[in-house]
Amino acid sequence: MKDSKMLKISEKTLLVPLFAVLAIWMVYWAEVRFDFNFNHWGIQPRSPSGLKGVFFSPFIHSSVEHLYNNTIPLAVLTFFLFLFYRTVAFRVLLLGVLGSGILTWVIGRPSYHIGASGLIYVLASFIFFKGIFTKHYRLVALSLIVVFVYGSMIWYIFPVKDGISWEGHLSGFLTGLLLALLLKVYAPQEKKYDWEKEDFDEKSDPFLQHFDADGNFIGTSEKLERTNDQLEIRYHFKPGEDKEP
């Protein structure tokens, strides 16, 4: 596989982020339009009935502000996931929702935990750590972009603000790290020249033999020998061509 294949934009790369955004907005629209309240479908820690929130909580939001704050990161990070890690993208989404949801159910406070922020932390954590682990320059650059744009999210895995599910954020962060460690992805191998390899021998390299120890060009060590071969010239005479008009 070539490096360019990693950046090929497929239909899934565009449709999955679009579907994710439409899904959370449609659920909130249904709540407002038909006066529903889906909060009780969120994760209720250590309650058997609260386990249903593992699957439904990412679609439920408490306000337009809550929904808006999750929309752009969800779209951008899902796009990055399917663009750079398409072979494991669906597994990251499914296992991320299950892992972060179950961990939130275990460690969360007795309340309803809702919102897609847990999944967002899964995506941000996975993309960052996987890029660092693979050491491929494109993926490392992507990790740095995630840190630059969403690095401030790290503070919200701690109880620094009331009214947010820091347990869900922490669960997502840890789940993304675990998936980055366990899931294997294709990372193109960078081409190495002979002089970059550990077993490279400078003395046997034909090009470096043209230089001395100080880096000065000394030319070739071989002397050019002249031969006594005579040059044979043949003339082809055609009658009439030497006459003047």
C-alpha atoms as a PDB file:
ATOM      1  CA  MET A   1       0.000   0.000   0.000  1.00  0.00           C
ATOM      2  CA  LYS A   2       1.173   3.502  -0.757  1.00  0.00           C
ATOM      3  CA  ASP A   3       1.188   6.423   1.625  1.00  0.00           C
ATOM      4  CA  SER A   4      -1.358   8.296  -0.498  1.00  0.00           C
ATOM      5  CA  LYS A   5      -3.959   5.615   0.127  1.00  0.00           C
ATOM      6  CA  MET A   6      -4.085   6.618   3.767  1.00  0.00           C
ATOM      7  CA  LEU A   7      -5.454  10.027   2.758  1.00  0.00           C
ATOM      8  CA  LYS A   8      -8.040   8.839   0.230  1.00  0.00           C
ATOM      9  CA  ILE A   9     -11.423  10.390   1.031  1.00  0.00           C
ATOM     10  CA  SER A  10     -14.167   7.798   0.648  1.00  0.00           C
ATOM     11  CA  GLU A  11     -17.928   8.109   1.029  1.00  0.00           C
ATOM     12  CA  LYS A  12     -17.704   6.774   4.590  1.00  0.00           C
ATOM     13  CA  THR A  13     -15.221   9.492   5.484  1.00  0.00           C
ATOM     14  CA  LEU A  14     -17.855  12.117   4.742  1.00  0.00           C
ATOM     15  CA  LEU A  15     -21.127  10.308   5.436  1.00  0.00           C
ATOM     16  CA  VAL A  16     -20.375   8.937   8.914  1.00  0.00           C
ATOM     17  CA  PRO A  17     -19.555  12.347  10.469  1.00  0.00           C
ATOM     18  CA  LEU A  18     -22.611  13.808   8.737  1.00  0.00           C
ATOM     19  CA  PHE A  19     -24.831  11.021  10.026  1.00  0.00           C
ATOM     20  CA  ALA A  20     -23.466  11.407  13.570  1.00  0.00           C
ATOM     21  CA  VAL A  21     -24.220  15.143  13.595  1.00  0.00           C
ATOM     22  CA  LEU A  22     -27.688  14.689  12.094  1.00  0.00           C
ATOM     23  CA  ALA A  23     -28.513  11.959  14.614  1.00  0.00           C
ATOM     24  CA  ILE A  24     -27.825  14.056  17.718  1.00  0.00           C
ATOM     25  CA  TRP A  25     -29.612  17.093  16.255  1.00  0.00           C
ATOM     26  CA  MET A  26     -32.666  15.044  15.209  1.00  0.00           C
ATOM     27  CA  VAL A  27     -32.989  13.571  18.690  1.00  0.00           C
ATOM     28  CA  TYR A  28     -32.852  17.030  20.267  1.00  0.00           C
ATOM     29  CA  TRP A  29     -35.347  18.343  17.685  1.00  0.00           C
ATOM     30  CA  ALA A  30     -37.744  15.520  18.582  1.00  0.00           C
ATOM     31  CA  GLU A  31     -37.451  16.421  22.276  1.00  0.00           C
ATOM     32  CA  VAL A  32     -38.312  20.066  21.608  1.00  0.00           C
ATOM     33  CA  ARG A  33     -40.931  19.440  18.925  1.00  0.00           C
ATOM     34  CA  PHE A  34     -42.904  16.776  20.808  1.00  0.00           C
ATOM     35  CA  ASP A  35     -42.060  17.914  24.354  1.00  0.00           C
ATOM     36  CA  PHE A  36     -40.119  14.771  25.214  1.00  0.00           C
ATOM     37  CA  ASN A  37     -37.447  14.410  27.860  1.00  0.00           C
ATOM     38  CA  PHE A  38     -34.977  11.654  27.138  1.00  0.00           C
ATOM     39  CA  ASN A  39     -32.691  12.340  30.091  1.00  0.00           C
ATOM     40  CA  HIS A  40     -33.853   9.182  31.859  1.00  0.00           C
ATOM     41  CA  TRP A  41     -32.394   7.252  28.915  1.00  0.00           C
ATOM     42  CA  GLY A  42     -28.934   8.395  29.946  1.00  0.00           C
ATOM     43  CA  ILE A  43     -26.400   6.437  31.966  1.00  0.00           C
ATOM     44  CA  GLN A  44     -27.465   5.988  35.573  1.00  0.00           C
ATOM     45  CA  PRO A  45     -24.416   4.578  37.385  1.00  0.00           C
ATOM     46  CA  ARG A  46     -24.690   1.231  39.139  1.00  0.00           C
ATOM     47  CA  SER A  47     -28.359   0.899  38.264  1.00  0.00           C
ATOM     48  CA  PRO A  48     -29.360  -2.067  36.079  1.00  0.00           C
ATOM     49  CA  SER A  49     -31.888   0.071  34.229  1.00  0.00           C
ATOM     50  CA  GLY A  50     -29.222   2.730  33.751  1.00  0.00           C
ATOM     51  CA  LEU A  51     -27.187   0.423  31.501  1.00  0.00           C
ATOM     52  CA  LYS A  52     -29.407   1.308  28.565  1.00  0.00           C
ATOM     53  CA  GLY A  53     -27.757   4.712  28.634  1.00  0.00           C
ATOM     54  CA  VAL A  54     -24.526   3.102  27.422  1.00  0.00           C
ATOM     55  CA  PHE A  55     -26.114   2.963  23.957  1.00  0.00           C
ATOM     56  CA  PHE A  56     -28.468   5.964  24.061  1.00  0.00           C
ATOM     57  CA  SER A  57     -26.663   8.627  26.090  1.00  0.00           C
ATOM     58  CA  PRO A  58     -24.427   9.877  23.208  1.00  0.00           C
ATOM     59  CA  PHE A  59     -27.562  11.020  21.351  1.00  0.00           C
ATOM     60  CA  ILE A  60     -29.121  12.941  24.251  1.00  0.00           C
ATOM     61  CA  HIS A  61     -28.280  16.550  25.140  1.00  0.00           C
ATOM     62  CA  SER A  62     -29.665  18.897  27.755  1.00  0.00           C
ATOM     63  CA  SER A  63     -29.599  22.188  25.819  1.00  0.00           C
ATOM     64  CA  VAL A  64     -28.741  23.821  22.509  1.00  0.00           C
ATOM     65  CA  GLU A  65     -25.444  25.011  23.986  1.00  0.00           C
ATOM     66  CA  HIS A  66     -24.615  21.482  25.110  1.00  0.00           C
ATOM     67  CA  LEU A  67     -25.500  20.181  21.648  1.00  0.00           C
ATOM     68  CA  TYR A  68     -23.536  22.878  19.820  1.00  0.00           C
ATOM     69  CA  ASN A  69     -20.411  22.348  21.939  1.00  0.00           C
ATOM     70  CA  ASN A  70     -20.386  18.674  20.949  1.00  0.00           C
ATOM     71  CA  THR A  71     -21.337  19.048  17.277  1.00  0.00           C
ATOM     72  CA  ILE A  72     -18.132  20.459  15.770  1.00  0.00           C
ATOM     73  CA  PRO A  73     -15.667  18.259  17.719  1.00  0.00           C
ATOM     74  CA  LEU A  74     -17.738  15.171  16.924  1.00  0.00           C
ATOM     75  CA  ALA A  75     -17.801  15.984  13.200  1.00  0.00           C
ATOM     76  CA  VAL A  76     -14.117  16.926  12.959  1.00  0.00           C
ATOM     77  CA  LEU A  77     -12.737  14.020  15.000  1.00  0.00           C
ATOM     78  CA  THR A  78     -14.970  11.457  13.290  1.00  0.00           C
ATOM     79  CA  PHE A  79     -13.770  12.791   9.935  1.00  0.00           C
ATOM     80  CA  PHE A  80     -10.133  12.436  11.037  1.00  0.00           C
ATOM     81  CA  LEU A  81     -10.821   8.927  12.310  1.00  0.00           C
ATOM     82  CA  PHE A  82     -12.232   7.694   8.993  1.00  0.00           C
ATOM     83  CA  LEU A  83      -9.646   9.580   6.949  1.00  0.00           C
ATOM     84  CA  PHE A  84      -6.543   8.273   8.706  1.00  0.00           C
ATOM     85  CA  TYR A  85      -7.729   5.110  10.497  1.00  0.00           C
ATOM     86  CA  ARG A  86     -10.462   3.756   8.229  1.00  0.00           C
ATOM     87  CA  THR A  87      -9.544   0.104   8.833  1.00  0.00           C
ATOM     88  CA  VAL A  88     -10.419   0.335  12.528  1.00  0.00           C
ATOM     89  CA  ALA A  89     -12.788   3.327  12.503  1.00  0.00           C
ATOM     90  CA  PHE A  90     -16.030   1.448  13.116  1.00  0.00           C
ATOM     91  CA  ARG A  91     -14.425  -0.633  15.841  1.00  0.00           C
ATOM     92  CA  VAL A  92     -13.196   2.517  17.552  1.00  0.00           C
ATOM     93  CA  LEU A  93     -16.709   3.988  17.458  1.00  0.00           C
ATOM     94  CA  LEU A  94     -18.449   0.849  18.715  1.00  0.00           C
ATOM     95  CA  LEU A  95     -15.885  -0.139  21.335  1.00  0.00           C
ATOM     96  CA  GLY A  96     -15.493   3.509  22.326  1.00  0.00           C
ATOM     97  CA  VAL A  97     -19.201   3.913  23.038  1.00  0.00           C
ATOM     98  CA  LEU A  98     -19.345   0.611  24.947  1.00  0.00           C
ATOM     99  CA  GLY A  99     -16.109   1.083  26.872  1.00  0.00           C
ATOM    100  CA  SER A 100     -16.624   4.691  27.912  1.00  0.00           C
ATOM    101  CA  GLY A 101     -20.295   4.064  28.711  1.00  0.00           C
ATOM    102  CA  ILE A 102     -19.658   1.038  30.914  1.00  0.00           C
ATOM    103  CA  LEU A 103     -16.782   2.747  32.728  1.00  0.00           C
ATOM    104  CA  THR A 104     -18.984   5.789  33.343  1.00  0.00           C
ATOM    105  CA  TRP A 105     -21.669   3.463  34.690  1.00  0.00           C
ATOM    106  CA  VAL A 106     -19.084   2.044  37.129  1.00  0.00           C
ATOM    107  CA  ILE A 107     -17.407   5.247  38.397  1.00  0.00           C
ATOM    108  CA  GLY A 108     -20.067   7.905  37.792  1.00  0.00           C
ATOM    109  CA  ARG A 109     -21.993   9.886  40.396  1.00  0.00           C
ATOM    110  CA  PRO A 110     -25.635   8.999  41.041  1.00  0.00           C
ATOM    111  CA  SER A 111     -27.105  11.099  38.249  1.00  0.00           C
ATOM    112  CA  TYR A 112     -28.038  10.817  34.581  1.00  0.00           C
ATOM    113  CA  HIS A 113     -24.968  11.144  32.369  1.00  0.00           C
ATOM    114  CA  ILE A 114     -25.847  12.266  28.840  1.00  0.00           C
ATOM    115  CA  GLY A 115     -24.149  13.732  25.783  1.00  0.00           C
ATOM    116  CA  ALA A 116     -21.670  12.766  23.075  1.00  0.00           C
ATOM    117  CA  SER A 117     -18.725  14.224  24.974  1.00  0.00           C
ATOM    118  CA  GLY A 118     -17.660  10.793  26.227  1.00  0.00           C
ATOM    119  CA  LEU A 119     -17.311   9.585  22.626  1.00  0.00           C
ATOM    120  CA  ILE A 120     -15.524  12.811  21.686  1.00  0.00           C
ATOM    121  CA  TYR A 121     -12.920  12.129  24.361  1.00  0.00           C
ATOM    122  CA  VAL A 122     -12.550   8.586  23.006  1.00  0.00           C
ATOM    123  CA  LEU A 123     -11.818   9.943  19.528  1.00  0.00           C
ATOM    124  CA  ALA A 124      -9.445  12.678  20.676  1.00  0.00           C
ATOM    125  CA  SER A 125      -7.537  10.286  22.930  1.00  0.00           C
ATOM    126  CA  PHE A 126      -7.318   7.518  20.332  1.00  0.00           C
ATOM    127  CA  ILE A 127      -6.175   9.818  17.501  1.00  0.00           C
ATOM    128  CA  PHE A 128      -3.565  11.503  19.683  1.00  0.00           C
ATOM    129  CA  PHE A 129      -2.015   8.399  21.232  1.00  0.00           C
ATOM    130  CA  LYS A 130      -2.207   6.258  18.098  1.00  0.00           C
ATOM    131  CA  GLY A 131      -0.294   8.862  16.123  1.00  0.00           C
ATOM    132  CA  ILE A 132       2.409   8.995  18.776  1.00  0.00           C
ATOM    133  CA  PHE A 133       2.636   5.193  18.987  1.00  0.00           C
ATOM    134  CA  THR A 134       2.925   4.647  15.225  1.00  0.00           C
ATOM    135  CA  LYS A 135       5.623   7.352  14.858  1.00  0.00           C
ATOM    136  CA  HIS A 136       4.562   8.000  11.265  1.00  0.00           C
ATOM    137  CA  TYR A 137       5.100  11.651  10.382  1.00  0.00           C
ATOM    138  CA  ARG A 138       1.567  12.210   9.039  1.00  0.00           C
ATOM    139  CA  LEU A 139      -0.074  10.633  12.079  1.00  0.00           C
ATOM    140  CA  VAL A 140       2.221  12.451  14.491  1.00  0.00           C
ATOM    141  CA  ALA A 141       1.301  15.709  12.746  1.00  0.00           C
ATOM    142  CA  LEU A 142      -2.365  14.818  13.192  1.00  0.00           C
ATOM    143  CA  SER A 143      -1.752  14.190  16.902  1.00  0.00           C
ATOM    144  CA  LEU A 144      -0.193  17.631  17.226  1.00  0.00           C
ATOM    145  CA  ILE A 145      -3.185  19.198  15.458  1.00  0.00           C
ATOM    146  CA  VAL A 146      -5.558  17.485  17.895  1.00  0.00           C
ATOM    147  CA  VAL A 147      -3.514  18.763  20.835  1.00  0.00           C
ATOM    148  CA  PHE A 148      -3.420  22.280  19.416  1.00  0.00           C
ATOM    149  CA  VAL A 149      -7.169  22.447  18.725  1.00  0.00           C
ATOM    150  CA  TYR A 150      -8.598  20.342  21.542  1.00  0.00           C
ATOM    151  CA  GLY A 151      -5.800  20.264  24.098  1.00  0.00           C
ATOM    152  CA  SER A 152      -7.823  22.296  26.607  1.00  0.00           C
ATOM    153  CA  MET A 153     -10.279  19.397  26.862  1.00  0.00           C
ATOM    154  CA  ILE A 154      -7.827  17.609  29.144  1.00  0.00           C
ATOM    155  CA  TRP A 155      -8.868  19.752  32.104  1.00  0.00           C
ATOM    156  CA  TYR A 156     -12.438  18.471  31.956  1.00  0.00           C
ATOM    157  CA  ILE A 157     -11.480  14.920  32.852  1.00  0.00           C
ATOM    158  CA  PHE A 158     -11.206  16.348  36.375  1.00  0.00           C
ATOM    159  CA  PRO A 159     -14.051  17.733  38.525  1.00  0.00           C
ATOM    160  CA  VAL A 160     -13.265  21.379  37.752  1.00  0.00           C
ATOM    161  CA  LYS A 161     -16.779  22.502  36.840  1.00  0.00           C
ATOM    162  CA  ASP A 162     -20.209  21.680  38.183  1.00  0.00           C
ATOM    163  CA  GLY A 163     -22.853  20.328  35.868  1.00  0.00           C
ATOM    164  CA  ILE A 164     -20.556  18.343  33.572  1.00  0.00           C
ATOM    165  CA  SER A 165     -19.908  14.630  33.583  1.00  0.00           C
ATOM    166  CA  TRP A 166     -16.190  14.613  34.204  1.00  0.00           C
ATOM    167  CA  GLU A 167     -16.539  10.863  34.825  1.00  0.00           C
ATOM    168  CA  GLY A 168     -17.760  10.443  31.247  1.00  0.00           C
ATOM    169  CA  HIS A 169     -14.868  12.516  29.958  1.00  0.00           C
ATOM    170  CA  LEU A 170     -12.336  10.525  31.974  1.00  0.00           C
ATOM    171  CA  SER A 171     -13.909   7.255  30.843  1.00  0.00           C
ATOM    172  CA  GLY A 172     -13.687   8.339  27.218  1.00  0.00           C
ATOM    173  CA  PHE A 173     -10.086   9.441  27.590  1.00  0.00           C
ATOM    174  CA  LEU A 174      -9.007   6.132  29.159  1.00  0.00           C
ATOM    175  CA  THR A 175     -10.989   4.099  26.633  1.00  0.00           C
ATOM    176  CA  GLY A 176      -9.345   5.918  23.724  1.00  0.00           C
ATOM    177  CA  LEU A 177      -5.903   5.293  25.206  1.00  0.00           C
ATOM    178  CA  LEU A 178      -6.678   1.588  25.659  1.00  0.00           C
ATOM    179  CA  LEU A 179      -7.939   1.260  22.079  1.00  0.00           C
ATOM    180  CA  ALA A 180      -4.810   3.011  20.794  1.00  0.00           C
ATOM    181  CA  LEU A 181      -2.730   0.385  22.572  1.00  0.00           C
ATOM    182  CA  LEU A 182      -4.755  -2.631  21.452  1.00  0.00           C
ATOM    183  CA  LEU A 183      -5.918  -1.919  17.899  1.00  0.00           C
ATOM    184  CA  LYS A 184      -3.396  -2.387  15.120  1.00  0.00           C
ATOM    185  CA  VAL A 185      -3.464  -0.028  12.156  1.00  0.00           C
ATOM    186  CA  TYR A 186      -1.530   0.226   8.902  1.00  0.00           C
ATOM    187  CA  ALA A 187       1.252   2.784   9.005  1.00  0.00           C
ATOM    188  CA  PRO A 188       3.309   3.186   5.809  1.00  0.00           C
ATOM    189  CA  GLN A 189       7.003   2.568   6.306  1.00  0.00           C
ATOM    190  CA  GLU A 190       9.209   5.502   5.467  1.00  0.00           C
ATOM    191  CA  LYS A 191      11.867   4.826   2.831  1.00  0.00           C
ATOM    192  CA  LYS A 192      15.390   4.725   4.211  1.00  0.00           C
ATOM    193  CA  TYR A 193      18.430   5.376   2.079  1.00  0.00           C
ATOM    194  CA  ASP A 194      21.564   3.257   2.446  1.00  0.00           C
ATOM    195  CA  TRP A 195      23.372   5.992   4.386  1.00  0.00           C
ATOM    196  CA  GLU A 196      20.510   6.082   6.948  1.00  0.00           C
ATOM    197  CA  LYS A 197      20.821   2.409   7.839  1.00  0.00           C
ATOM    198  CA  GLU A 198      22.728   1.311  10.941  1.00  0.00           C
ATOM    199  CA  ASP A 199      24.977  -1.137   9.057  1.00  0.00           C
ATOM    200  CA  PHE A 200      26.063   1.473   6.491  1.00  0.00           C
ATOM    201  CA  ASP A 201      29.803   1.321   5.734  1.00  0.00           C
ATOM    202  CA  GLU A 202      31.189   4.646   4.546  1.00  0.00           C
ATOM    203  CA  LYS A 203      34.429   3.115   3.262  1.00  0.00           C
ATOM    204  CA  SER A 204      32.642   0.845   0.824  1.00  0.00           C
ATOM    205  CA  ASP A 205      30.386   3.539  -0.597  1.00  0.00           C
ATOM    206  CA  PRO A 206      31.520   4.467  -4.168  1.00  0.00           C
ATOM    207  CA  PHE A 207      30.345   8.063  -3.878  1.00  0.00           C
ATOM    208  CA  LEU A 208      32.053   8.836  -0.567  1.00  0.00           C
ATOM    209  CA  GLN A 209      35.331   7.486  -1.915  1.00  0.00           C
ATOM    210  CA  HIS A 210      35.574  10.708  -3.933  1.00  0.00           C
ATOM    211  CA  PHE A 211      36.073  12.711  -0.698  1.00  0.00           C
ATOM    212  CA  ASP A 212      38.784  12.755   1.945  1.00  0.00           C
ATOM    213  CA  ALA A 213      38.311  12.695   5.715  1.00  0.00           C
ATOM    214  CA  ASP A 214      37.766  16.472   5.761  1.00  0.00           C
ATOM    215  CA  GLY A 215      35.060  16.331   3.110  1.00  0.00           C
ATOM    216  CA  ASN A 216      37.235  17.698   0.297  1.00  0.00           C
ATOM    217  CA  PHE A 217      36.637  16.383  -3.194  1.00  0.00           C
ATOM    218  CA  ILE A 218      39.596  14.357  -4.392  1.00  0.00           C
ATOM    219  CA  GLY A 219      38.207  12.775  -7.550  1.00  0.00           C
ATOM    220  CA  THR A 220      38.681   9.152  -8.496  1.00  0.00           C
ATOM    221  CA  SER A 221      41.662   7.083  -7.486  1.00  0.00           C
ATOM    222  CA  GLU A 222      41.838   5.382 -10.824  1.00  0.00           C
ATOM    223  CA  LYS A 223      44.074   6.834 -13.524  1.00  0.00           C
ATOM    224  CA  LEU A 224      42.920   7.134 -17.053  1.00  0.00           C
ATOM    225  CA  GLU A 225      45.133   5.256 -19.442  1.00  0.00           C
ATOM    226  CA  ARG A 226      45.564   6.273 -23.035  1.00  0.00           C
ATOM    227  CA  THR A 227      45.405   3.622 -25.669  1.00  0.00           C
ATOM    228  CA  ASN A 228      47.329   3.413 -28.896  1.00  0.00           C
ATOM    229  CA  ASP A 229      44.273   2.657 -30.912  1.00  0.00           C
ATOM    230  CA  GLN A 230      44.332   4.522 -34.213  1.00  0.00           C
ATOM    231  CA  LEU A 231      41.335   6.278 -35.576  1.00  0.00           C
ATOM    232  CA  GLU A 232      40.239   4.885 -38.906  1.00  0.00           C
ATOM    233  CA  ILE A 233      38.497   7.307 -41.279  1.00  0.00           C
ATOM    234  CA  ARG A 234      36.551   6.064 -44.254  1.00  0.00           C
ATOM    235  CA  TYR A 235      35.471   8.224 -47.194  1.00  0.00           C
ATOM    236  CA  HIS A 236      32.615   7.407 -49.518  1.00  0.00           C
ATOM    237  CA  PHE A 237      33.044   9.061 -52.899  1.00  0.00           C
ATOM    238  CA  LYS A 238      30.068   9.537 -55.161  1.00  0.00           C
ATOM    239  CA  PRO A 239      30.836  10.739 -58.750  1.00  0.00           C
ATOM    240  CA  GLY A 240      29.362  14.049 -59.691  1.00  0.00           C
ATOM    241  CA  GLU A 241      28.878  15.413 -56.150  1.00  0.00           C
ATOM    242  CA  ASP A 242      32.197  17.306 -56.282  1.00  0.00           C
ATOM    243  CA  LYS A 243      31.333  19.292 -59.376  1.00  0.00           C
ATOM    244  CA  GLU A 244      30.368  22.915 -59.114  1.00  0.00           C
ATOM    245  CA  PRO A 245      26.961  23.903 -60.583  1.00  0.00           C
END
